[in-house]
Amino acid sequence: MLQKPTTDKMIFGVCRGISESFGIPPLILRAIFLVTAPISIFVYILLIGFILKK
């Protein structure tokens, strides 16, 4: 289950939560979000509301 961390996050914790769930380093996931910026910004905003806090 995806969960946002309450600590050790940069903005809202979406990338950190996804990285913890799938075992991907958060830096790599953040880089992917930056490279695919237009669509990933939209997805990031959606995930802020859908991912639960720990």
PDB file of N, CA and C in Angstrom:
ATOM      1  N   MET A   1       0.839  -1.173   0.000  1.00  0.00           N
ATOM      2  CA  MET A   1       0.000   0.000   0.000  1.00  0.00           C
ATOM      3  C   MET A   1       0.888   1.240   0.000  1.00  0.00           C
ATOM      4  N   LEU A   2       0.546   2.210  -0.817  1.00  0.00           N
ATOM      5  CA  LEU A   2       1.298   3.457  -0.864  1.00  0.00           C
ATOM      6  C   LEU A   2       0.975   4.310   0.353  1.00  0.00           C
ATOM      7  N   GLN A   3       2.025   4.827   0.977  1.00  0.00           N
ATOM      8  CA  GLN A   3       1.860   5.713   2.123  1.00  0.00           C
ATOM      9  C   GLN A   3       2.875   6.838   2.029  1.00  0.00           C
ATOM     10  N   LYS A   4       2.442   8.067   2.359  1.00  0.00           N
ATOM     11  CA  LYS A   4       3.350   9.205   2.390  1.00  0.00           C
ATOM     12  C   LYS A   4       4.025   9.257   3.751  1.00  0.00           C
ATOM     13  N   PRO A   5       5.333   9.482   3.786  1.00  0.00           N
ATOM     14  CA  PRO A   5       6.011   9.605   5.073  1.00  0.00           C
ATOM     15  C   PRO A   5       5.689  10.943   5.727  1.00  0.00           C
ATOM     16  N   THR A   6       5.737  10.984   7.044  1.00  0.00           N
ATOM     17  CA  THR A   6       5.522  12.251   7.746  1.00  0.00           C
ATOM     18  C   THR A   6       6.844  12.967   7.983  1.00  0.00           C
ATOM     19  N   THR A   7       7.968  12.253   7.839  1.00  0.00           N
ATOM     20  CA  THR A   7       9.299  12.852   7.949  1.00  0.00           C
ATOM     21  C   THR A   7      10.121  12.432   6.739  1.00  0.00           C
ATOM     22  N   ASP A   8      11.285  13.057   6.562  1.00  0.00           N
ATOM     23  CA  ASP A   8      12.213  12.712   5.482  1.00  0.00           C
ATOM     24  C   ASP A   8      11.563  12.830   4.107  1.00  0.00           C
ATOM     25  N   LYS A   9      10.913  13.967   3.864  1.00  0.00           N
ATOM     26  CA  LYS A   9      10.288  14.214   2.570  1.00  0.00           C
ATOM     27  C   LYS A   9      10.736  15.576   2.074  1.00  0.00           C
ATOM     28  N   MET A  10      10.635  15.803   0.767  1.00  0.00           N
ATOM     29  CA  MET A  10      11.063  17.084   0.217  1.00  0.00           C
ATOM     30  C   MET A  10       9.892  18.065   0.129  1.00  0.00           C
ATOM     31  N   ILE A  11       8.788  17.661  -0.451  1.00  0.00           N
ATOM     32  CA  ILE A  11       7.643  18.565  -0.581  1.00  0.00           C
ATOM     33  C   ILE A  11       6.442  17.933   0.110  1.00  0.00           C
ATOM     34  N   PHE A  12       5.761  17.019  -0.545  1.00  0.00           N
ATOM     35  CA  PHE A  12       4.597  16.350   0.042  1.00  0.00           C
ATOM     36  C   PHE A  12       4.856  14.883   0.358  1.00  0.00           C
ATOM     37  N   GLY A  13       5.989  14.348  -0.047  1.00  0.00           N
ATOM     38  CA  GLY A  13       6.327  12.969   0.264  1.00  0.00           C
ATOM     39  C   GLY A  13       5.839  11.936  -0.727  1.00  0.00           C
ATOM     40  N   VAL A  14       5.332  12.377  -1.867  1.00  0.00           N
ATOM     41  CA  VAL A  14       4.798  11.432  -2.857  1.00  0.00           C
ATOM     42  C   VAL A  14       5.909  10.554  -3.430  1.00  0.00           C
ATOM     43  N   CYS A  15       7.005  11.153  -3.869  1.00  0.00           N
ATOM     44  CA  CYS A  15       8.109  10.367  -4.438  1.00  0.00           C
ATOM     45  C   CYS A  15       8.717   9.441  -3.394  1.00  0.00           C
ATOM     46  N   ARG A  16       8.865   9.913  -2.174  1.00  0.00           N
ATOM     47  CA  ARG A  16       9.412   9.082  -1.101  1.00  0.00           C
ATOM     48  C   ARG A  16       8.483   7.897  -0.834  1.00  0.00           C
ATOM     49  N   GLY A  17       7.175   8.139  -0.791  1.00  0.00           N
ATOM     50  CA  GLY A  17       6.219   7.060  -0.553  1.00  0.00           C
ATOM     51  C   GLY A  17       6.244   6.007  -1.643  1.00  0.00           C
ATOM     52  N   ILE A  18       6.311   6.446  -2.895  1.00  0.00           N
ATOM     53  CA  ILE A  18       6.381   5.509  -4.017  1.00  0.00           C
ATOM     54  C   ILE A  18       7.695   4.736  -3.972  1.00  0.00           C
ATOM     55  N   SER A  19       8.792   5.434  -3.681  1.00  0.00           N
ATOM     56  CA  SER A  19      10.093   4.766  -3.652  1.00  0.00           C
ATOM     57  C   SER A  19      10.166   3.722  -2.545  1.00  0.00           C
ATOM     58  N   GLU A  20       9.585   4.005  -1.387  1.00  0.00           N
ATOM     59  CA  GLU A  20       9.572   3.026  -0.300  1.00  0.00           C
ATOM     60  C   GLU A  20       8.712   1.814  -0.653  1.00  0.00           C
ATOM     61  N   SER A  21       7.606   2.041  -1.329  1.00  0.00           N
ATOM     62  CA  SER A  21       6.707   0.941  -1.687  1.00  0.00           C
ATOM     63  C   SER A  21       7.311  -0.005  -2.720  1.00  0.00           C
ATOM     64  N   PHE A  22       8.072   0.551  -3.672  1.00  0.00           N
ATOM     65  CA  PHE A  22       8.608  -0.254  -4.762  1.00  0.00           C
ATOM     66  C   PHE A  22      10.100  -0.538  -4.647  1.00  0.00           C
ATOM     67  N   GLY A  23      10.763  -0.026  -3.611  1.00  0.00           N
ATOM     68  CA  GLY A  23      12.188  -0.282  -3.421  1.00  0.00           C
ATOM     69  C   GLY A  23      13.087   0.435  -4.407  1.00  0.00           C
ATOM     70  N   ILE A  24      12.632   1.574  -4.917  1.00  0.00           N
ATOM     71  CA  ILE A  24      13.399   2.380  -5.861  1.00  0.00           C
ATOM     72  C   ILE A  24      14.027   3.532  -5.076  1.00  0.00           C
ATOM     73  N   PRO A  25      15.294   3.869  -5.332  1.00  0.00           N
ATOM     74  CA  PRO A  25      15.876   5.027  -4.651  1.00  0.00           C
ATOM     75  C   PRO A  25      15.079   6.300  -4.984  1.00  0.00           C
ATOM     76  N   PRO A  26      14.757   7.122  -3.990  1.00  0.00           N
ATOM     77  CA  PRO A  26      13.939   8.309  -4.244  1.00  0.00           C
ATOM     78  C   PRO A  26      14.577   9.287  -5.224  1.00  0.00           C
ATOM     79  N   LEU A  27      15.900   9.367  -5.260  1.00  0.00           N
ATOM     80  CA  LEU A  27      16.570  10.272  -6.189  1.00  0.00           C
ATOM     81  C   LEU A  27      16.279   9.890  -7.636  1.00  0.00           C
ATOM     82  N   ILE A  28      16.284   8.604  -7.931  1.00  0.00           N
ATOM     83  CA  ILE A  28      15.982   8.135  -9.290  1.00  0.00           C
ATOM     84  C   ILE A  28      14.536   8.455  -9.648  1.00  0.00           C
ATOM     85  N   LEU A  29      13.635   8.231  -8.724  1.00  0.00           N
ATOM     86  CA  LEU A  29      12.223   8.514  -8.981  1.00  0.00           C
ATOM     87  C   LEU A  29      11.993  10.011  -9.195  1.00  0.00           C
ATOM     88  N   ARG A  30      12.662  10.845  -8.407  1.00  0.00           N
ATOM     89  CA  ARG A  30      12.546  12.302  -8.586  1.00  0.00           C
ATOM     90  C   ARG A  30      13.095  12.727  -9.943  1.00  0.00           C
ATOM     91  N   ALA A  31      14.188  12.104 -10.392  1.00  0.00           N
ATOM     92  CA  ALA A  31      14.753  12.413 -11.705  1.00  0.00           C
ATOM     93  C   ALA A  31      13.771  12.048 -12.814  1.00  0.00           C
ATOM     94  N   ILE A  32      13.107  10.908 -12.681  1.00  0.00           N
ATOM     95  CA  ILE A  32      12.100  10.502 -13.668  1.00  0.00           C
ATOM     96  C   ILE A  32      10.964  11.519 -13.699  1.00  0.00           C
ATOM     97  N   PHE A  33      10.526  11.977 -12.532  1.00  0.00           N
ATOM     98  CA  PHE A  33       9.470  12.979 -12.474  1.00  0.00           C
ATOM     99  C   PHE A  33       9.901  14.271 -13.165  1.00  0.00           C
ATOM    100  N   LEU A  34      11.161  14.673 -13.007  1.00  0.00           N
ATOM    101  CA  LEU A  34      11.639  15.898 -13.647  1.00  0.00           C
ATOM    102  C   LEU A  34      11.716  15.758 -15.163  1.00  0.00           C
ATOM    103  N   VAL A  35      12.189  14.618 -15.645  1.00  0.00           N
ATOM    104  CA  VAL A  35      12.326  14.397 -17.086  1.00  0.00           C
ATOM    105  C   VAL A  35      10.961  14.359 -17.767  1.00  0.00           C
ATOM    106  N   THR A  36       9.979  13.814 -17.094  1.00  0.00           N
ATOM    107  CA  THR A  36       8.631  13.719 -17.653  1.00  0.00           C
ATOM    108  C   THR A  36       7.716  14.772 -17.015  1.00  0.00           C
ATOM    109  N   ALA A  37       8.242  15.965 -16.832  1.00  0.00           N
ATOM    110  CA  ALA A  37       7.604  17.027 -16.049  1.00  0.00           C
ATOM    111  C   ALA A  37       6.127  17.304 -16.357  1.00  0.00           C
ATOM    112  N   PRO A  38       5.724  17.550 -17.587  1.00  0.00           N
ATOM    113  CA  PRO A  38       4.322  17.941 -17.795  1.00  0.00           C
ATOM    114  C   PRO A  38       3.305  16.930 -17.267  1.00  0.00           C
ATOM    115  N   ILE A  39       3.481  15.680 -17.596  1.00  0.00           N
ATOM    116  CA  ILE A  39       2.522  14.675 -17.141  1.00  0.00           C
ATOM    117  C   ILE A  39       2.746  14.334 -15.676  1.00  0.00           C
ATOM    118  N   SER A  40       4.002  14.326 -15.239  1.00  0.00           N
ATOM    119  CA  SER A  40       4.272  13.938 -13.854  1.00  0.00           C
ATOM    120  C   SER A  40       3.781  14.983 -12.860  1.00  0.00           C
ATOM    121  N   ILE A  41       3.748  16.250 -13.229  1.00  0.00           N
ATOM    122  CA  ILE A  41       3.202  17.277 -12.334  1.00  0.00           C
ATOM    123  C   ILE A  41       1.721  17.008 -12.102  1.00  0.00           C
ATOM    124  N   PHE A  42       0.999  16.684 -13.156  1.00  0.00           N
ATOM    125  CA  PHE A  42      -0.421  16.365 -13.041  1.00  0.00           C
ATOM    126  C   PHE A  42      -0.631  15.126 -12.170  1.00  0.00           C
ATOM    127  N   VAL A  43       0.151  14.078 -12.421  1.00  0.00           N
ATOM    128  CA  VAL A  43       0.047  12.841 -11.638  1.00  0.00           C
ATOM    129  C   VAL A  43       0.420  13.101 -10.183  1.00  0.00           C
ATOM    130  N   TYR A  44       1.459  13.900  -9.942  1.00  0.00           N
ATOM    131  CA  TYR A  44       1.901  14.216  -8.582  1.00  0.00           C
ATOM    132  C   TYR A  44       0.777  14.890  -7.799  1.00  0.00           C
ATOM    133  N   ILE A  45       0.105  15.849  -8.420  1.00  0.00           N
ATOM    134  CA  ILE A  45      -0.998  16.552  -7.753  1.00  0.00           C
ATOM    135  C   ILE A  45      -2.125  15.575  -7.427  1.00  0.00           C
ATOM    136  N   LEU A  46      -2.431  14.667  -8.331  1.00  0.00           N
ATOM    137  CA  LEU A  46      -3.451  13.655  -8.048  1.00  0.00           C
ATOM    138  C   LEU A  46      -3.040  12.763  -6.881  1.00  0.00           C
ATOM    139  N   LEU A  47      -1.782  12.349  -6.851  1.00  0.00           N
ATOM    140  CA  LEU A  47      -1.311  11.439  -5.812  1.00  0.00           C
ATOM    141  C   LEU A  47      -1.253  12.087  -4.436  1.00  0.00           C
ATOM    142  N   ILE A  48      -1.102  13.401  -4.365  1.00  0.00           N
ATOM    143  CA  ILE A  48      -1.101  14.091  -3.068  1.00  0.00           C
ATOM    144  C   ILE A  48      -2.379  13.761  -2.312  1.00  0.00           C
ATOM    145  N   GLY A  49      -3.487  13.729  -3.011  1.00  0.00           N
ATOM    146  CA  GLY A  49      -4.763  13.461  -2.372  1.00  0.00           C
ATOM    147  C   GLY A  49      -5.076  11.991  -2.159  1.00  0.00           C
ATOM    148  N   PHE A  50      -4.443  11.111  -2.937  1.00  0.00           N
ATOM    149  CA  PHE A  50      -4.798   9.698  -2.877  1.00  0.00           C
ATOM    150  C   PHE A  50      -3.903   8.844  -1.988  1.00  0.00           C
ATOM    151  N   ILE A  51      -2.648   9.241  -1.808  1.00  0.00           N
ATOM    152  CA  ILE A  51      -1.738   8.440  -0.989  1.00  0.00           C
ATOM    153  C   ILE A  51      -1.956   8.787   0.476  1.00  0.00           C
ATOM    154  N   LEU A  52      -2.133   7.776   1.287  1.00  0.00           N
ATOM    155  CA  LEU A  52      -2.394   7.963   2.713  1.00  0.00           C
ATOM    156  C   LEU A  52      -1.120   8.301   3.470  1.00  0.00           C
ATOM    157  N   LYS A  53      -1.268   9.024   4.579  1.00  0.00           N
ATOM    158  CA  LYS A  53      -0.132   9.296   5.459  1.00  0.00           C
ATOM    159  C   LYS A  53       0.124   8.080   6.325  1.00  0.00           C
ATOM    160  N   LYS A  54       1.382   7.900   6.733  1.00  0.00           N
ATOM    161  CA  LYS A  54       1.733   6.771   7.607  1.00  0.00           C
ATOM    162  C   LYS A  54       1.154   6.965   8.979  1.00  0.00           C
TER     163      LYS A  54
END
